[in-house]
Amino acid sequence: MPTSRRGRGDALRCAVHVSRADAPVPSPSDPRPEPPEQPLPSDCCESGCDPCIFDLHAEALAEYRAALAAWRARRSVLRLRV
């Protein structure tokens, strides 16, 4: 009587297939936030501006990270509802 043996690779493929099937479909009305563009070193005039362009980028990056965390939380709620 032949037995079916599944290798580890088969289990991994099945797990990937299931997780993709369970993932919520991205909504065009709720796109993933885009990170702010990082300024080039040459963008700074090095005259001691307050705020410096790098300070502004750090603030924008903090806002992006908060928006990304909120977006991920919304997606995880969607995943639980499915």
PDB file of N, CA and C in Angstrom:
ATOM      1  N   MET A   1       0.838  -1.168   0.000  1.00  0.00           N
ATOM      2  CA  MET A   1       0.000   0.000   0.000  1.00  0.00           C
ATOM      3  C   MET A   1       0.890   1.241   0.000  1.00  0.00           C
ATOM      4  N   PRO A   2       0.840   2.073  -1.061  1.00  0.00           N
ATOM      5  CA  PRO A   2       1.719   3.233  -1.125  1.00  0.00           C
ATOM      6  C   PRO A   2       1.279   4.307  -0.130  1.00  0.00           C
ATOM      7  N   THR A   3       2.270   4.960   0.432  1.00  0.00           N
ATOM      8  CA  THR A   3       1.981   6.063   1.356  1.00  0.00           C
ATOM      9  C   THR A   3       2.444   7.362   0.723  1.00  0.00           C
ATOM     10  N   SER A   4       1.733   8.399   1.018  1.00  0.00           N
ATOM     11  CA  SER A   4       2.092   9.720   0.508  1.00  0.00           C
ATOM     12  C   SER A   4       2.991  10.405   1.523  1.00  0.00           C
ATOM     13  N   ARG A   5       4.131  10.856   1.061  1.00  0.00           N
ATOM     14  CA  ARG A   5       5.051  11.565   1.943  1.00  0.00           C
ATOM     15  C   ARG A   5       5.179  12.987   1.450  1.00  0.00           C
ATOM     16  N   ARG A   6       4.878  13.885   2.293  1.00  0.00           N
ATOM     17  CA  ARG A   6       5.026  15.289   1.942  1.00  0.00           C
ATOM     18  C   ARG A   6       6.324  15.789   2.550  1.00  0.00           C
ATOM     19  N   GLY A   7       7.069  16.463   1.752  1.00  0.00           N
ATOM     20  CA  GLY A   7       8.304  17.045   2.245  1.00  0.00           C
ATOM     21  C   GLY A   7       8.045  18.365   2.937  1.00  0.00           C
ATOM     22  N   ARG A   8       9.066  18.894   3.552  1.00  0.00           N
ATOM     23  CA  ARG A   8       8.947  20.174   4.254  1.00  0.00           C
ATOM     24  C   ARG A   8       8.583  21.282   3.283  1.00  0.00           C
ATOM     25  N   GLY A   9       9.106  21.235   2.086  1.00  0.00           N
ATOM     26  CA  GLY A   9       8.799  22.248   1.081  1.00  0.00           C
ATOM     27  C   GLY A   9       7.321  22.297   0.748  1.00  0.00           C
ATOM     28  N   ASP A  10       6.671  21.128   0.713  1.00  0.00           N
ATOM     29  CA  ASP A  10       5.228  21.082   0.452  1.00  0.00           C
ATOM     30  C   ASP A  10       4.458  21.800   1.552  1.00  0.00           C
ATOM     31  N   ALA A  11       4.857  21.581   2.791  1.00  0.00           N
ATOM     32  CA  ALA A  11       4.170  22.234   3.909  1.00  0.00           C
ATOM     33  C   ALA A  11       4.354  23.742   3.837  1.00  0.00           C
ATOM     34  N   LEU A  12       5.554  24.175   3.480  1.00  0.00           N
ATOM     35  CA  LEU A  12       5.797  25.614   3.369  1.00  0.00           C
ATOM     36  C   LEU A  12       4.967  26.215   2.253  1.00  0.00           C
ATOM     37  N   ARG A  13       4.879  25.534   1.124  1.00  0.00           N
ATOM     38  CA  ARG A  13       4.064  26.047   0.015  1.00  0.00           C
ATOM     39  C   ARG A  13       2.604  26.140   0.435  1.00  0.00           C
ATOM     40  N   CYS A  14       2.123  25.140   1.175  1.00  0.00           N
ATOM     41  CA  CYS A  14       0.732  25.170   1.634  1.00  0.00           C
ATOM     42  C   CYS A  14       0.510  26.336   2.586  1.00  0.00           C
ATOM     43  N   ALA A  15       1.438  26.581   3.493  1.00  0.00           N
ATOM     44  CA  ALA A  15       1.295  27.679   4.446  1.00  0.00           C
ATOM     45  C   ALA A  15       1.285  29.020   3.729  1.00  0.00           C
ATOM     46  N   VAL A  16       2.136  29.170   2.729  1.00  0.00           N
ATOM     47  CA  VAL A  16       2.168  30.414   1.965  1.00  0.00           C
ATOM     48  C   VAL A  16       0.870  30.586   1.211  1.00  0.00           C
ATOM     49  N   HIS A  17       0.368  29.510   0.622  1.00  0.00           N
ATOM     50  CA  HIS A  17      -0.881  29.583  -0.135  1.00  0.00           C
ATOM     51  C   HIS A  17      -2.035  29.994   0.770  1.00  0.00           C
ATOM     52  N   VAL A  18      -2.106  29.429   1.947  1.00  0.00           N
ATOM     53  CA  VAL A  18      -3.192  29.752   2.873  1.00  0.00           C
ATOM     54  C   VAL A  18      -3.088  31.196   3.320  1.00  0.00           C
ATOM     55  N   SER A  19      -1.881  31.654   3.675  1.00  0.00           N
ATOM     56  CA  SER A  19      -1.757  33.023   4.168  1.00  0.00           C
ATOM     57  C   SER A  19      -2.088  34.034   3.081  1.00  0.00           C
ATOM     58  N   ARG A  20      -1.766  33.759   1.847  1.00  0.00           N
ATOM     59  CA  ARG A  20      -2.127  34.667   0.758  1.00  0.00           C
ATOM     60  C   ARG A  20      -3.633  34.686   0.548  1.00  0.00           C
ATOM     61  N   ALA A  21      -4.266  33.542   0.685  1.00  0.00           N
ATOM     62  CA  ALA A  21      -5.714  33.471   0.489  1.00  0.00           C
ATOM     63  C   ALA A  21      -6.449  34.216   1.595  1.00  0.00           C
ATOM     64  N   ASP A  22      -5.897  34.215   2.802  1.00  0.00           N
ATOM     65  CA  ASP A  22      -6.541  34.883   3.930  1.00  0.00           C
ATOM     66  C   ASP A  22      -6.275  36.379   3.971  1.00  0.00           C
ATOM     67  N   ALA A  23      -5.299  36.846   3.226  1.00  0.00           N
ATOM     68  CA  ALA A  23      -4.938  38.264   3.267  1.00  0.00           C
ATOM     69  C   ALA A  23      -6.045  39.111   2.663  1.00  0.00           C
ATOM     70  N   PRO A  24      -6.374  40.244   3.307  1.00  0.00           N
ATOM     71  CA  PRO A  24      -7.409  41.108   2.744  1.00  0.00           C
ATOM     72  C   PRO A  24      -6.931  41.755   1.456  1.00  0.00           C
ATOM     73  N   VAL A  25      -7.862  42.033   0.606  1.00  0.00           N
ATOM     74  CA  VAL A  25      -7.541  42.690  -0.657  1.00  0.00           C
ATOM     75  C   VAL A  25      -7.347  44.169  -0.375  1.00  0.00           C
ATOM     76  N   PRO A  26      -6.227  44.759  -0.807  1.00  0.00           N
ATOM     77  CA  PRO A  26      -6.013  46.186  -0.575  1.00  0.00           C
ATOM     78  C   PRO A  26      -7.126  47.011  -1.208  1.00  0.00           C
ATOM     79  N   SER A  27      -7.579  47.990  -0.478  1.00  0.00           N
ATOM     80  CA  SER A  27      -8.654  48.849  -0.957  1.00  0.00           C
ATOM     81  C   SER A  27      -8.067  50.088  -1.617  1.00  0.00           C
ATOM     82  N   PRO A  28      -8.550  50.449  -2.805  1.00  0.00           N
ATOM     83  CA  PRO A  28      -8.063  51.671  -3.450  1.00  0.00           C
ATOM     84  C   PRO A  28      -8.382  52.911  -2.619  1.00  0.00           C
ATOM     85  N   SER A  29      -9.419  52.829  -1.781  1.00  0.00           N
ATOM     86  CA  SER A  29      -9.784  53.978  -0.958  1.00  0.00           C
ATOM     87  C   SER A  29      -8.929  54.084   0.305  1.00  0.00           C
ATOM     88  N   ASP A  30      -8.105  53.073   0.586  1.00  0.00           N
ATOM     89  CA  ASP A  30      -7.224  53.089   1.754  1.00  0.00           C
ATOM     90  C   ASP A  30      -5.845  52.567   1.355  1.00  0.00           C
ATOM     91  N   PRO A  31      -5.120  53.341   0.540  1.00  0.00           N
ATOM     92  CA  PRO A  31      -3.811  52.866   0.096  1.00  0.00           C
ATOM     93  C   PRO A  31      -2.785  52.913   1.225  1.00  0.00           C
ATOM     94  N   ARG A  32      -1.753  52.102   1.085  1.00  0.00           N
ATOM     95  CA  ARG A  32      -0.655  52.092   2.054  1.00  0.00           C
ATOM     96  C   ARG A  32       0.029  53.458   2.034  1.00  0.00           C
ATOM     97  N   PRO A  33       0.313  54.023   3.209  1.00  0.00           N
ATOM     98  CA  PRO A  33       1.018  55.309   3.243  1.00  0.00           C
ATOM     99  C   PRO A  33       2.395  55.202   2.593  1.00  0.00           C
ATOM    100  N   GLU A  34       2.811  56.265   1.955  1.00  0.00           N
ATOM    101  CA  GLU A  34       4.123  56.316   1.311  1.00  0.00           C
ATOM    102  C   GLU A  34       5.106  57.021   2.239  1.00  0.00           C
ATOM    103  N   PRO A  35       6.323  56.494   2.353  1.00  0.00           N
ATOM    104  CA  PRO A  35       7.311  57.160   3.208  1.00  0.00           C
ATOM    105  C   PRO A  35       7.751  58.485   2.591  1.00  0.00           C
ATOM    106  N   PRO A  36       8.149  59.422   3.442  1.00  0.00           N
ATOM    107  CA  PRO A  36       8.632  60.692   2.902  1.00  0.00           C
ATOM    108  C   PRO A  36       9.972  60.491   2.204  1.00  0.00           C
ATOM    109  N   GLU A  37      10.207  61.310   1.213  1.00  0.00           N
ATOM    110  CA  GLU A  37      11.473  61.217   0.490  1.00  0.00           C
ATOM    111  C   GLU A  37      12.587  61.763   1.375  1.00  0.00           C
ATOM    112  N   GLN A  38      13.658  60.988   1.485  1.00  0.00           N
ATOM    113  CA  GLN A  38      14.779  61.404   2.325  1.00  0.00           C
ATOM    114  C   GLN A  38      15.570  62.493   1.613  1.00  0.00           C
ATOM    115  N   PRO A  39      15.862  63.595   2.318  1.00  0.00           N
ATOM    116  CA  PRO A  39      16.647  64.650   1.683  1.00  0.00           C
ATOM    117  C   PRO A  39      18.086  64.189   1.448  1.00  0.00           C
ATOM    118  N   LEU A  40      18.672  64.735   0.432  1.00  0.00           N
ATOM    119  CA  LEU A  40      20.076  64.451   0.140  1.00  0.00           C
ATOM    120  C   LEU A  40      20.956  65.274   1.069  1.00  0.00           C
ATOM    121  N   PRO A  41      22.166  64.827   1.340  1.00  0.00           N
ATOM    122  CA  PRO A  41      23.068  65.639   2.162  1.00  0.00           C
ATOM    123  C   PRO A  41      23.255  67.046   1.590  1.00  0.00           C
ATOM    124  N   SER A  42      23.222  67.156   0.279  1.00  0.00           N
ATOM    125  CA  SER A  42      23.410  68.467  -0.354  1.00  0.00           C
ATOM    126  C   SER A  42      22.181  69.365  -0.221  1.00  0.00           C
ATOM    127  N   ASP A  43      21.036  68.814   0.243  1.00  0.00           N
ATOM    128  CA  ASP A  43      19.833  69.624   0.441  1.00  0.00           C
ATOM    129  C   ASP A  43      19.959  70.542   1.654  1.00  0.00           C
ATOM    130  N   CYS A  44      20.852  70.222   2.570  1.00  0.00           N
ATOM    131  CA  CYS A  44      21.063  71.043   3.758  1.00  0.00           C
ATOM    132  C   CYS A  44      22.016  72.184   3.414  1.00  0.00           C
ATOM    133  N   CYS A  45      21.631  73.392   3.820  1.00  0.00           N
ATOM    134  CA  CYS A  45      22.484  74.553   3.515  1.00  0.00           C
ATOM    135  C   CYS A  45      23.583  74.736   4.556  1.00  0.00           C
ATOM    136  N   GLU A  46      23.534  73.974   5.651  1.00  0.00           N
ATOM    137  CA  GLU A  46      24.524  73.988   6.730  1.00  0.00           C
ATOM    138  C   GLU A  46      24.705  75.365   7.357  1.00  0.00           C
ATOM    139  N   SER A  47      23.619  76.138   7.410  1.00  0.00           N
ATOM    140  CA  SER A  47      23.705  77.460   8.038  1.00  0.00           C
ATOM    141  C   SER A  47      22.994  77.490   9.389  1.00  0.00           C
ATOM    142  N   GLY A  48      22.612  76.326   9.900  1.00  0.00           N
ATOM    143  CA  GLY A  48      21.982  76.260  11.214  1.00  0.00           C
ATOM    144  C   GLY A  48      20.510  76.618  11.212  1.00  0.00           C
ATOM    145  N   CYS A  49      19.832  76.406  10.106  1.00  0.00           N
ATOM    146  CA  CYS A  49      18.396  76.701  10.019  1.00  0.00           C
ATOM    147  C   CYS A  49      17.630  75.960  11.113  1.00  0.00           C
ATOM    148  N   ASP A  50      16.573  76.614  11.599  1.00  0.00           N
ATOM    149  CA  ASP A  50      15.697  75.966  12.566  1.00  0.00           C
ATOM    150  C   ASP A  50      14.263  76.156  12.109  1.00  0.00           C
ATOM    151  N   PRO A  51      13.635  75.150  11.599  1.00  0.00           N
ATOM    152  CA  PRO A  51      14.077  73.755  11.553  1.00  0.00           C
ATOM    153  C   PRO A  51      14.910  73.474  10.301  1.00  0.00           C
ATOM    154  N   CYS A  52      15.830  72.563  10.464  1.00  0.00           N
ATOM    155  CA  CYS A  52      16.654  72.095   9.346  1.00  0.00           C
ATOM    156  C   CYS A  52      15.813  71.148   8.495  1.00  0.00           C
ATOM    157  N   ILE A  53      16.174  70.988   7.262  1.00  0.00           N
ATOM    158  CA  ILE A  53      15.450  70.070   6.375  1.00  0.00           C
ATOM    159  C   ILE A  53      15.465  68.646   6.929  1.00  0.00           C
ATOM    160  N   PHE A  54      16.525  68.298   7.653  1.00  0.00           N
ATOM    161  CA  PHE A  54      16.584  66.964   8.254  1.00  0.00           C
ATOM    162  C   PHE A  54      15.635  66.855   9.452  1.00  0.00           C
ATOM    163  N   ASP A  55      15.419  67.966  10.175  1.00  0.00           N
ATOM    164  CA  ASP A  55      14.421  67.978  11.252  1.00  0.00           C
ATOM    165  C   ASP A  55      13.027  67.776  10.669  1.00  0.00           C
ATOM    166  N   LEU A  56      12.745  68.464   9.568  1.00  0.00           N
ATOM    167  CA  LEU A  56      11.444  68.330   8.911  1.00  0.00           C
ATOM    168  C   LEU A  56      11.230  66.904   8.418  1.00  0.00           C
ATOM    169  N   HIS A  57      12.298  66.306   7.901  1.00  0.00           N
ATOM    170  CA  HIS A  57      12.200  64.918   7.444  1.00  0.00           C
ATOM    171  C   HIS A  57      11.941  63.982   8.616  1.00  0.00           C
ATOM    172  N   ALA A  58      12.593  64.216   9.740  1.00  0.00           N
ATOM    173  CA  ALA A  58      12.380  63.369  10.920  1.00  0.00           C
ATOM    174  C   ALA A  58      10.925  63.458  11.389  1.00  0.00           C
ATOM    175  N   GLU A  59      10.346  64.657  11.363  1.00  0.00           N
ATOM    176  CA  GLU A  59       8.936  64.821  11.739  1.00  0.00           C
ATOM    177  C   GLU A  59       8.022  64.094  10.748  1.00  0.00           C
ATOM    178  N   ALA A  60       8.318  64.251   9.461  1.00  0.00           N
ATOM    179  CA  ALA A  60       7.510  63.584   8.433  1.00  0.00           C
ATOM    180  C   ALA A  60       7.631  62.068   8.560  1.00  0.00           C
ATOM    181  N   LEU A  61       8.815  61.582   8.918  1.00  0.00           N
ATOM    182  CA  LEU A  61       9.030  60.146   9.089  1.00  0.00           C
ATOM    183  C   LEU A  61       8.234  59.624  10.289  1.00  0.00           C
ATOM    184  N   ALA A  62       8.185  60.396  11.370  1.00  0.00           N
ATOM    185  CA  ALA A  62       7.396  59.992  12.539  1.00  0.00           C
ATOM    186  C   ALA A  62       5.908  59.941  12.178  1.00  0.00           C
ATOM    187  N   GLU A  63       5.427  60.919  11.411  1.00  0.00           N
ATOM    188  CA  GLU A  63       4.030  60.926  10.970  1.00  0.00           C
ATOM    189  C   GLU A  63       3.742  59.733  10.060  1.00  0.00           C
ATOM    190  N   TYR A  64       4.698  59.424   9.181  1.00  0.00           N
ATOM    191  CA  TYR A  64       4.540  58.273   8.287  1.00  0.00           C
ATOM    192  C   TYR A  64       4.448  56.976   9.088  1.00  0.00           C
ATOM    193  N   ARG A  65       5.325  56.821  10.074  1.00  0.00           N
ATOM    194  CA  ARG A  65       5.318  55.591  10.881  1.00  0.00           C
ATOM    195  C   ARG A  65       4.002  55.436  11.640  1.00  0.00           C
ATOM    196  N   ALA A  66       3.468  56.547  12.150  1.00  0.00           N
ATOM    197  CA  ALA A  66       2.175  56.491  12.845  1.00  0.00           C
ATOM    198  C   ALA A  66       1.060  56.129  11.861  1.00  0.00           C
ATOM    199  N   ALA A  67       1.092  56.731  10.675  1.00  0.00           N
ATOM    200  CA  ALA A  67       0.075  56.435   9.659  1.00  0.00           C
ATOM    201  C   ALA A  67       0.178  54.981   9.200  1.00  0.00           C
ATOM    202  N   LEU A  68       1.401  54.478   9.065  1.00  0.00           N
ATOM    203  CA  LEU A  68       1.600  53.087   8.649  1.00  0.00           C
ATOM    204  C   LEU A  68       1.089  52.125   9.723  1.00  0.00           C
ATOM    205  N   ALA A  69       1.349  52.437  10.982  1.00  0.00           N
ATOM    206  CA  ALA A  69       0.855  51.586  12.073  1.00  0.00           C
ATOM    207  C   ALA A  69      -0.674  51.562  12.084  1.00  0.00           C
ATOM    208  N   ALA A  70      -1.297  52.718  11.877  1.00  0.00           N
ATOM    209  CA  ALA A  70      -2.764  52.782  11.836  1.00  0.00           C
ATOM    210  C   ALA A  70      -3.301  52.004  10.641  1.00  0.00           C
ATOM    211  N   TRP A  71      -2.635  52.114   9.498  1.00  0.00           N
ATOM    212  CA  TRP A  71      -3.050  51.398   8.287  1.00  0.00           C
ATOM    213  C   TRP A  71      -2.956  49.889   8.508  1.00  0.00           C
ATOM    214  N   ARG A  72      -1.847  49.450   9.118  1.00  0.00           N
ATOM    215  CA  ARG A  72      -1.681  48.014   9.398  1.00  0.00           C
ATOM    216  C   ARG A  72      -2.740  47.524  10.378  1.00  0.00           C
ATOM    217  N   ALA A  73      -3.077  48.347  11.367  1.00  0.00           N
ATOM    218  CA  ALA A  73      -4.113  47.962  12.329  1.00  0.00           C
ATOM    219  C   ALA A  73      -5.459  47.807  11.624  1.00  0.00           C
ATOM    220  N   ARG A  74      -5.770  48.724  10.713  1.00  0.00           N
ATOM    221  CA  ARG A  74      -7.028  48.606   9.965  1.00  0.00           C
ATOM    222  C   ARG A  74      -7.053  47.327   9.149  1.00  0.00           C
ATOM    223  N   ARG A  75      -5.927  46.982   8.539  1.00  0.00           N
ATOM    224  CA  ARG A  75      -5.862  45.761   7.729  1.00  0.00           C
ATOM    225  C   ARG A  75      -5.986  44.514   8.601  1.00  0.00           C
ATOM    226  N   SER A  76      -5.418  44.538   9.803  1.00  0.00           N
ATOM    227  CA  SER A  76      -5.528  43.357  10.665  1.00  0.00           C
ATOM    228  C   SER A  76      -6.965  43.186  11.141  1.00  0.00           C
ATOM    229  N   VAL A  77      -7.691  44.285  11.343  1.00  0.00           N
ATOM    230  CA  VAL A  77      -9.108  44.197  11.704  1.00  0.00           C
ATOM    231  C   VAL A  77      -9.883  43.590  10.543  1.00  0.00           C
ATOM    232  N   LEU A  78      -9.569  44.014   9.323  1.00  0.00           N
ATOM    233  CA  LEU A  78     -10.228  43.437   8.146  1.00  0.00           C
ATOM    234  C   LEU A  78      -9.967  41.942   8.066  1.00  0.00           C
ATOM    235  N   ARG A  79      -8.749  41.541   8.352  1.00  0.00           N
ATOM    236  CA  ARG A  79      -8.377  40.128   8.285  1.00  0.00           C
ATOM    237  C   ARG A  79      -9.179  39.323   9.306  1.00  0.00           C
ATOM    238  N   LEU A  80      -9.425  39.900  10.479  1.00  0.00           N
ATOM    239  CA  LEU A  80     -10.194  39.194  11.503  1.00  0.00           C
ATOM    240  C   LEU A  80     -11.657  39.056  11.108  1.00  0.00           C
ATOM    241  N   ARG A  81     -12.178  40.011  10.361  1.00  0.00           N
ATOM    242  CA  ARG A  81     -13.581  39.971   9.954  1.00  0.00           C
ATOM    243  C   ARG A  81     -13.841  38.953   8.859  1.00  0.00           C
ATOM    244  N   VAL A  82     -12.830  38.613   8.074  1.00  0.00           N
ATOM    245  CA  VAL A  82     -13.020  37.715   6.932  1.00  0.00           C
ATOM    246  C   VAL A  82     -13.319  36.320   7.364  1.00  0.00           C
TER     247      VAL A  82
END
